[in-house]
N, C-alpha and C. Protein backbone atom coordinates (compact mmCIF):
# COMPACT_ATOMS: atom_id res chain seq x y z
N MET A 1 82.73 153.24 116.10
CA MET A 1 84.00 154.08 115.11
C MET A 1 84.83 155.07 115.71
N ASN A 2 86.33 154.59 115.96
CA ASN A 2 87.01 155.90 116.83
C ASN A 2 87.94 157.10 116.46
N VAL A 3 87.62 157.92 117.60
CA VAL A 3 88.16 158.97 116.74
C VAL A 3 89.39 159.51 117.73
N LEU A 4 90.85 158.94 116.77
CA LEU A 4 92.03 159.82 117.30
C LEU A 4 92.58 161.04 117.81
N VAL A 5 91.88 161.19 119.10
CA VAL A 5 92.54 163.03 119.59
C VAL A 5 94.09 163.07 119.48
N LEU A 6 94.24 164.19 118.91
CA LEU A 6 96.00 164.73 118.87
C LEU A 6 95.86 165.82 119.76
N ASN A 7 97.15 166.14 120.86
CA ASN A 7 96.91 167.24 121.60
C ASN A 7 97.52 168.74 120.62
N ALA A 8 97.40 169.50 121.12
CA ALA A 8 98.01 171.07 120.04
C ALA A 8 98.89 170.99 119.27
N SER A 9 99.87 169.52 120.22
CA SER A 9 101.62 169.64 120.09
C SER A 9 100.99 168.45 118.61
N TYR A 10 99.85 168.24 118.22
CA TYR A 10 100.12 167.16 117.49
C TYR A 10 100.66 165.86 117.85
N GLU A 11 100.57 165.69 119.41
CA GLU A 11 100.60 164.16 119.92
C GLU A 11 99.12 163.76 120.27
N PRO A 12 99.71 161.84 119.88
CA PRO A 12 98.35 161.44 120.19
C PRO A 12 97.76 161.59 121.91
N LEU A 13 96.94 161.52 122.02
CA LEU A 13 96.51 161.26 123.63
C LEU A 13 95.82 160.60 124.27
N GLN A 14 94.43 160.06 123.35
CA GLN A 14 93.58 159.25 123.20
C GLN A 14 92.64 158.79 122.50
N LYS A 15 91.58 157.44 122.64
CA LYS A 15 90.84 157.68 121.38
C LYS A 15 89.27 157.93 121.52
N VAL A 16 88.61 158.32 121.39
CA VAL A 16 87.18 157.86 121.87
C VAL A 16 86.08 157.98 120.74
N ASP A 17 84.60 157.34 120.57
CA ASP A 17 83.46 157.49 120.27
C ASP A 17 83.55 158.49 119.29
N LEU A 18 82.59 158.70 118.55
CA LEU A 18 81.94 159.07 117.62
C LEU A 18 81.21 160.52 118.15
N ARG A 19 80.59 159.48 119.18
CA ARG A 19 79.90 160.94 119.88
C ARG A 19 80.68 161.97 121.03
N HIS A 20 81.54 161.50 120.91
CA HIS A 20 82.15 162.59 122.47
C HIS A 20 83.22 163.58 120.73
N ALA A 21 83.63 162.82 119.41
CA ALA A 21 84.19 164.10 119.19
C ALA A 21 83.62 164.84 118.56
N ILE A 22 82.20 164.70 118.22
CA ILE A 22 81.17 165.78 117.70
C ILE A 22 80.39 166.98 118.89
N ARG A 23 80.87 166.29 120.15
CA ARG A 23 81.01 167.37 121.30
C ARG A 23 82.23 167.99 121.14
N MET A 24 83.18 167.44 121.54
CA MET A 24 83.97 168.42 120.85
C MET A 24 84.20 169.29 119.46
N LEU A 25 83.85 169.69 119.09
CA LEU A 25 83.83 170.10 117.79
C LEU A 25 82.61 170.91 118.10
N VAL A 26 81.48 170.78 119.03
CA VAL A 26 80.69 171.34 118.51
C VAL A 26 80.79 172.56 119.89
N ARG A 27 81.61 172.68 120.46
CA ARG A 27 82.18 173.09 121.90
C ARG A 27 83.20 174.08 121.38
N GLY A 28 84.01 173.48 120.98
CA GLY A 28 84.64 174.88 119.90
C GLY A 28 86.25 174.01 120.18
N VAL A 29 86.52 172.66 121.31
CA VAL A 29 87.51 172.53 121.76
C VAL A 29 88.63 171.47 121.21
N ALA A 30 88.02 171.08 119.45
CA ALA A 30 88.80 170.67 118.81
C ALA A 30 88.59 171.03 117.57
N VAL A 31 89.51 170.67 116.43
CA VAL A 31 89.71 170.49 115.50
C VAL A 31 89.80 168.92 113.91
N VAL A 32 89.45 169.52 113.05
CA VAL A 32 89.10 168.26 112.95
C VAL A 32 90.83 168.15 111.44
N GLU A 33 91.10 166.87 111.74
CA GLU A 33 93.10 167.39 111.15
C GLU A 33 92.71 166.14 109.81
N GLU A 34 91.56 164.95 109.68
CA GLU A 34 91.57 163.73 108.88
C GLU A 34 90.21 163.80 108.81
N ALA A 35 89.18 163.60 108.07
CA ALA A 35 87.76 163.41 108.21
C ALA A 35 87.58 161.56 107.04
N VAL A 36 86.64 161.70 107.75
CA VAL A 36 85.65 160.45 106.64
C VAL A 36 85.62 161.28 105.16
N GLU A 37 85.97 161.49 104.13
CA GLU A 37 85.47 161.62 102.35
C GLU A 37 83.82 161.37 102.08
N GLY A 38 83.36 162.56 102.32
CA GLY A 38 81.71 162.76 101.52
C GLY A 38 81.43 161.85 103.03
N ARG A 39 81.07 161.99 104.24
CA ARG A 39 80.62 161.50 105.16
C ARG A 39 80.92 163.33 106.37
N THR A 40 78.92 163.71 106.60
CA THR A 40 79.17 164.37 107.53
C THR A 40 78.20 164.29 107.99
N ILE A 41 77.82 165.01 109.11
CA ILE A 41 77.26 164.93 110.68
C ILE A 41 76.57 166.16 111.23
N GLY A 42 76.06 166.66 110.20
CA GLY A 42 74.35 168.39 110.15
C GLY A 42 76.41 168.73 109.04
N HIS A 43 76.91 170.02 110.13
CA HIS A 43 77.70 170.86 109.28
C HIS A 43 79.08 169.96 109.52
N PHE A 44 78.89 169.16 110.32
CA PHE A 44 80.92 168.44 110.45
C PHE A 44 80.75 167.79 110.23
N PRO A 45 82.36 167.38 109.08
CA PRO A 45 83.04 166.32 108.13
C PRO A 45 82.91 164.74 110.05
N VAL A 46 82.93 163.53 109.14
CA VAL A 46 82.86 162.78 110.54
C VAL A 46 83.81 162.81 110.02
N PRO A 47 85.14 162.79 111.89
CA PRO A 47 86.60 162.96 111.67
C PRO A 47 86.78 161.98 111.66
N ARG A 48 87.91 161.40 111.50
CA ARG A 48 88.89 159.71 112.20
C ARG A 48 90.29 160.49 112.85
N VAL A 49 90.66 162.27 112.53
CA VAL A 49 91.57 162.75 113.48
C VAL A 49 90.97 164.18 114.24
N LEU A 50 91.16 163.56 115.39
CA LEU A 50 90.93 165.63 116.00
C LEU A 50 92.11 166.37 117.02
N ARG A 51 92.36 167.55 116.27
CA ARG A 51 93.61 167.86 116.91
C ARG A 51 92.51 169.26 117.68
N LEU A 52 93.07 169.18 119.10
CA LEU A 52 92.26 170.40 120.61
C LEU A 52 93.55 171.63 120.09
N VAL A 53 92.64 172.40 120.59
CA VAL A 53 92.48 173.33 119.92
C VAL A 53 93.88 174.32 120.60
N ARG A 54 94.06 174.37 122.00
CA ARG A 54 94.62 173.82 123.36
C ARG A 54 95.84 173.82 123.88
N TYR A 55 97.03 173.32 124.20
CA TYR A 55 97.37 172.34 124.59
C TYR A 55 96.98 171.47 126.35
N VAL A 56 97.17 170.80 126.33
CA VAL A 56 97.06 169.50 127.56
C VAL A 56 97.44 169.32 128.01
N ALA A 57 98.52 169.67 129.48
CA ALA A 57 99.97 169.28 129.92
C ALA A 57 99.53 167.93 130.39
N MET A 58 99.78 166.95 130.07
CA MET A 58 99.98 165.54 129.36
C MET A 58 101.09 164.88 131.07
N ARG A 59 100.60 165.23 132.53
CA ARG A 59 101.43 164.90 133.74
C ARG A 59 101.12 164.13 134.10
N TRP A 60 99.87 163.35 133.60
CA TRP A 60 99.51 161.70 134.60
C TRP A 60 100.30 160.98 133.12
N ARG A 61 100.74 161.25 132.19
CA ARG A 61 101.34 160.37 131.48
C ARG A 61 102.88 159.99 131.88
N HIS A 62 103.38 161.72 131.75
CA HIS A 62 104.73 161.27 131.75
C HIS A 62 105.25 161.14 133.08
N GLY A 63 106.16 160.20 132.93
CA GLY A 63 107.41 159.12 134.56
C GLY A 63 105.90 158.16 133.99
N THR A 64 104.69 157.79 134.07
CA THR A 64 104.46 156.47 134.54
C THR A 64 104.59 156.43 132.69
N ARG A 65 105.05 154.46 132.99
CA ARG A 65 104.36 153.76 131.96
C ARG A 65 102.88 152.91 131.89
N PRO A 66 102.84 152.48 130.75
CA PRO A 66 101.83 152.65 129.75
C PRO A 66 101.23 151.07 130.73
N GLY A 67 100.34 150.70 131.16
CA GLY A 67 99.55 149.52 131.89
C GLY A 67 98.90 148.55 131.23
N TRP A 68 99.66 147.55 131.67
CA TRP A 68 99.63 145.92 130.75
C TRP A 68 98.68 145.96 130.19
N SER A 69 98.44 145.44 129.02
CA SER A 69 96.97 145.44 128.73
C SER A 69 96.71 144.76 126.70
N LYS A 70 96.15 143.53 126.63
CA LYS A 70 95.88 142.62 125.70
C LYS A 70 96.47 143.19 124.34
N ARG A 71 95.37 144.45 124.35
CA ARG A 71 95.58 145.54 122.88
C ARG A 71 96.63 146.23 122.84
N GLY A 72 97.63 145.96 124.30
CA GLY A 72 98.74 146.68 123.91
C GLY A 72 99.70 145.87 123.13
N ILE A 73 99.45 144.86 123.74
CA ILE A 73 100.70 143.93 124.13
C ILE A 73 100.45 143.27 121.38
N TYR A 74 99.85 143.61 121.40
CA TYR A 74 99.22 143.31 119.73
C TYR A 74 99.89 144.65 119.67
N ARG A 75 100.10 145.62 120.04
CA ARG A 75 100.51 147.03 119.26
C ARG A 75 101.69 146.93 119.12
N ARG A 76 101.94 146.55 120.55
CA ARG A 76 104.01 146.49 120.46
C ARG A 76 103.90 145.64 120.01
N ASP A 77 103.29 144.44 119.60
CA ASP A 77 103.97 143.59 118.85
C ASP A 77 104.40 143.41 117.41
N ARG A 78 103.74 144.65 117.47
CA ARG A 78 102.64 144.63 115.52
C ARG A 78 102.13 143.72 114.68
N GLY A 79 101.14 142.48 115.60
CA GLY A 79 100.62 141.36 115.57
C GLY A 79 101.51 140.29 115.07
N LEU A 80 102.94 140.72 115.31
CA LEU A 80 103.39 139.07 114.98
C LEU A 80 103.90 138.69 115.86
N CYS A 81 104.05 136.62 116.25
CA CYS A 81 105.36 135.95 116.75
C CYS A 81 105.46 136.10 116.99
N ALA A 82 105.96 135.96 118.59
CA ALA A 82 107.54 137.24 119.02
C ALA A 82 108.59 135.33 118.80
N TYR A 83 107.78 134.45 118.33
CA TYR A 83 108.62 132.85 118.19
C TYR A 83 109.15 132.40 116.77
N CYS A 84 108.46 132.64 115.74
CA CYS A 84 108.75 132.65 114.37
C CYS A 84 108.67 133.38 113.95
N GLY A 85 107.30 135.02 113.53
CA GLY A 85 107.23 135.98 112.86
C GLY A 85 105.80 136.09 112.39
N ASP A 86 105.23 134.80 112.61
CA ASP A 86 104.29 134.94 111.75
C ASP A 86 102.76 136.00 112.79
N ARG A 87 101.48 135.43 111.20
CA ARG A 87 100.67 136.24 111.95
C ARG A 87 100.50 135.65 113.32
N GLY A 88 100.64 136.86 115.24
CA GLY A 88 100.26 136.40 116.57
C GLY A 88 98.54 136.16 116.70
N HIS A 89 97.89 135.25 117.12
CA HIS A 89 97.01 135.55 117.69
C HIS A 89 96.36 135.49 119.64
N THR A 90 97.94 134.68 120.15
CA THR A 90 97.72 134.77 121.13
C THR A 90 98.71 135.82 122.28
N ILE A 91 98.02 135.48 123.62
CA ILE A 91 99.42 136.48 124.15
C ILE A 91 99.77 134.69 125.16
N ASP A 92 100.85 135.24 125.08
CA ASP A 92 101.97 134.11 125.91
C ASP A 92 102.79 134.42 126.94
N HIS A 93 102.51 134.07 128.03
CA HIS A 93 103.50 134.27 128.94
C HIS A 93 104.55 133.89 128.92
N ILE A 94 105.48 134.47 128.68
CA ILE A 94 107.30 133.65 128.69
C ILE A 94 107.85 133.31 130.21
N ILE A 95 107.86 133.44 130.98
CA ILE A 95 106.65 132.53 132.22
C ILE A 95 105.67 132.40 133.06
N PRO A 96 105.51 130.92 132.98
CA PRO A 96 104.30 130.30 133.03
C PRO A 96 103.27 130.93 133.97
N GLN A 97 102.83 131.55 133.95
CA GLN A 97 101.10 131.60 134.92
C GLN A 97 101.35 130.36 135.99
N SER A 98 100.84 129.59 135.72
CA SER A 98 101.02 128.13 137.05
C SER A 98 102.60 128.30 137.27
N ARG A 99 103.58 129.02 137.03
CA ARG A 99 104.41 128.99 137.65
C ARG A 99 105.35 130.12 137.77
N GLY A 100 103.50 130.83 138.31
CA GLY A 100 104.34 132.64 139.45
C GLY A 100 104.56 133.47 138.55
N GLY A 101 104.44 133.29 136.77
CA GLY A 101 104.69 134.78 136.26
C GLY A 101 103.41 134.92 136.03
N LEU A 102 103.84 136.51 135.41
CA LEU A 102 102.79 137.71 136.30
C LEU A 102 101.71 137.94 134.96
N SER A 103 100.75 138.99 134.45
CA SER A 103 100.23 139.75 133.24
C SER A 103 101.59 140.91 132.84
N THR A 104 102.33 140.94 132.60
CA THR A 104 103.52 141.95 132.95
C THR A 104 103.93 141.95 131.41
N TRP A 105 104.70 143.57 130.36
CA TRP A 105 105.37 143.64 129.10
C TRP A 105 106.39 142.69 129.35
N GLU A 106 106.61 143.17 130.87
CA GLU A 106 108.41 142.19 130.23
C GLU A 106 108.22 140.23 129.89
N ASN A 107 106.78 139.76 130.67
CA ASN A 107 106.54 138.48 130.62
C ASN A 107 105.09 137.95 129.83
N THR A 108 104.93 138.82 128.62
CA THR A 108 104.32 138.23 127.03
C THR A 108 104.12 139.09 126.30
N VAL A 109 104.32 137.76 125.82
CA VAL A 109 104.88 138.19 123.79
C VAL A 109 103.22 138.11 123.34
N LEU A 110 103.03 137.87 121.90
CA LEU A 110 102.03 137.53 120.72
C LEU A 110 102.11 136.15 120.70
N ALA A 111 102.09 135.53 120.51
CA ALA A 111 102.39 133.87 119.53
C ALA A 111 101.73 133.57 119.00
N CYS A 112 101.89 132.58 117.57
CA CYS A 112 100.67 132.26 117.03
C CYS A 112 100.38 129.89 117.63
N GLY A 113 98.83 131.04 117.01
CA GLY A 113 98.44 128.64 117.95
C GLY A 113 99.41 128.39 118.35
N ARG A 114 99.61 127.65 116.59
CA ARG A 114 101.15 126.28 116.62
C ARG A 114 102.62 126.92 118.09
N CYS A 115 103.11 128.14 117.82
CA CYS A 115 103.84 128.34 119.31
C CYS A 115 103.96 127.88 120.07
N ASN A 116 102.53 128.78 120.33
CA ASN A 116 101.79 128.85 121.88
C ASN A 116 101.24 127.12 121.99
N ASN A 117 101.13 125.99 121.25
CA ASN A 117 100.90 125.14 121.99
C ASN A 117 102.13 124.52 122.09
N ARG A 118 103.09 124.49 121.45
CA ARG A 118 104.48 124.50 121.43
C ARG A 118 104.66 124.37 123.06
N LYS A 119 104.74 125.53 122.50
CA LYS A 119 105.07 126.50 124.48
C LYS A 119 104.31 125.67 125.94
N GLY A 120 103.17 125.47 125.31
CA GLY A 120 102.43 125.35 126.33
C GLY A 120 102.80 125.51 127.88
N ASP A 121 102.73 125.10 128.76
CA ASP A 121 103.06 125.67 130.13
C ASP A 121 104.40 125.07 130.47
N ARG A 122 105.17 125.47 129.82
CA ARG A 122 106.87 124.74 130.23
C ARG A 122 107.95 126.69 129.63
N THR A 123 109.87 126.45 130.83
CA THR A 123 109.98 127.42 129.73
C THR A 123 110.03 127.39 128.28
N LEU A 124 111.33 128.72 128.37
CA LEU A 124 111.63 128.33 127.68
C LEU A 124 112.99 127.55 127.10
N ALA A 125 113.37 127.15 128.08
CA ALA A 125 114.20 126.20 127.65
C ALA A 125 113.97 125.60 128.06
N GLN A 126 113.27 124.73 128.57
CA GLN A 126 111.92 122.69 128.46
C GLN A 126 111.55 123.42 126.92
N THR A 127 112.02 123.45 126.61
CA THR A 127 110.78 123.62 124.91
C THR A 127 111.34 124.43 123.70
N GLY A 128 113.00 124.76 123.42
CA GLY A 128 113.57 125.32 123.14
C GLY A 128 113.86 126.35 122.07
N LEU A 129 112.20 127.59 122.43
CA LEU A 129 112.00 127.94 121.16
C LEU A 129 112.79 129.53 121.90
N ARG A 130 112.94 130.23 120.78
CA ARG A 130 113.43 131.39 121.00
C ARG A 130 112.56 132.38 120.67
N LEU A 131 113.56 134.26 121.26
CA LEU A 131 112.50 134.77 121.14
C LEU A 131 112.90 134.99 120.46
N ARG A 132 111.88 135.84 119.45
CA ARG A 132 112.47 136.89 118.30
C ARG A 132 113.23 138.39 118.36
N VAL A 133 112.45 138.80 119.40
CA VAL A 133 112.80 140.20 119.74
C VAL A 133 112.69 140.22 121.33
N LEU A 134 112.98 141.41 121.63
CA LEU A 134 112.95 141.19 124.33
C LEU A 134 111.42 141.11 123.87
N PRO A 135 110.75 141.60 125.21
CA PRO A 135 109.46 141.82 125.64
C PRO A 135 110.31 143.70 126.34
N ARG A 136 109.08 144.52 125.74
CA ARG A 136 109.71 145.88 126.57
C ARG A 136 108.44 145.97 126.92
N VAL A 137 108.48 147.18 127.87
CA VAL A 137 107.22 148.24 127.75
C VAL A 137 107.81 149.28 126.69
N PRO A 138 105.97 149.28 126.13
CA PRO A 138 105.99 149.66 124.58
C PRO A 138 106.30 151.51 125.58
N THR A 139 106.39 152.02 124.40
CA THR A 139 106.27 153.48 124.48
C THR A 139 104.68 154.37 124.58
N TRP A 140 104.63 155.34 124.91
CA TRP A 140 102.64 156.46 124.61
C TRP A 140 102.21 155.90 123.28
N GLN A 141 103.65 156.50 122.50
CA GLN A 141 103.16 157.03 121.17
C GLN A 141 103.35 155.60 120.42
N GLU A 142 103.80 153.56 120.53
CA GLU A 142 103.29 152.66 119.87
C GLU A 142 101.65 152.91 120.32
N LEU A 143 101.60 153.15 121.34
CA LEU A 143 100.35 152.15 121.87
C LEU A 143 98.77 153.36 121.05
N PHE A 144 99.40 154.57 120.98
CA PHE A 144 98.02 154.99 120.15
C PHE A 144 98.72 154.63 117.74
N GLU A 145 99.45 154.69 117.86
CA GLU A 145 99.63 154.94 116.48
C GLU A 145 98.54 153.23 115.68
N ARG A 146 98.49 154.15 114.46
CA ARG A 146 97.25 153.28 114.19
C ARG A 146 98.03 152.26 113.05
């Protein structure tokens, strides 16, 4: 079970495992914002969301863009195929990797199996497919939303 950790200003920082979250509570560096109802570990409720007691400056985050990840693509595209709008299950490269396309935010989208098979190893112009949304770099906030 992962626990979302919020900064003292309520902006999401990261997700940690339950064991790490309990250690944070024991050390007194965080408080429970949201808990699993009726479950405890010792005298602590099992947390879903923690908030840090003191503000942590996130210099490492500001001014940099999130690193590309498959999970990030799923979050950014909200689980929907960028071509037809159905549920997406695979990552598709707009410019195929075989033609020099890289795994970047701007070159990858979520696709359903049908659209991914239809596109295959071809460009959008060759297949006649159109993107419903333009691929972009997501914000840190989008990547940490539940």
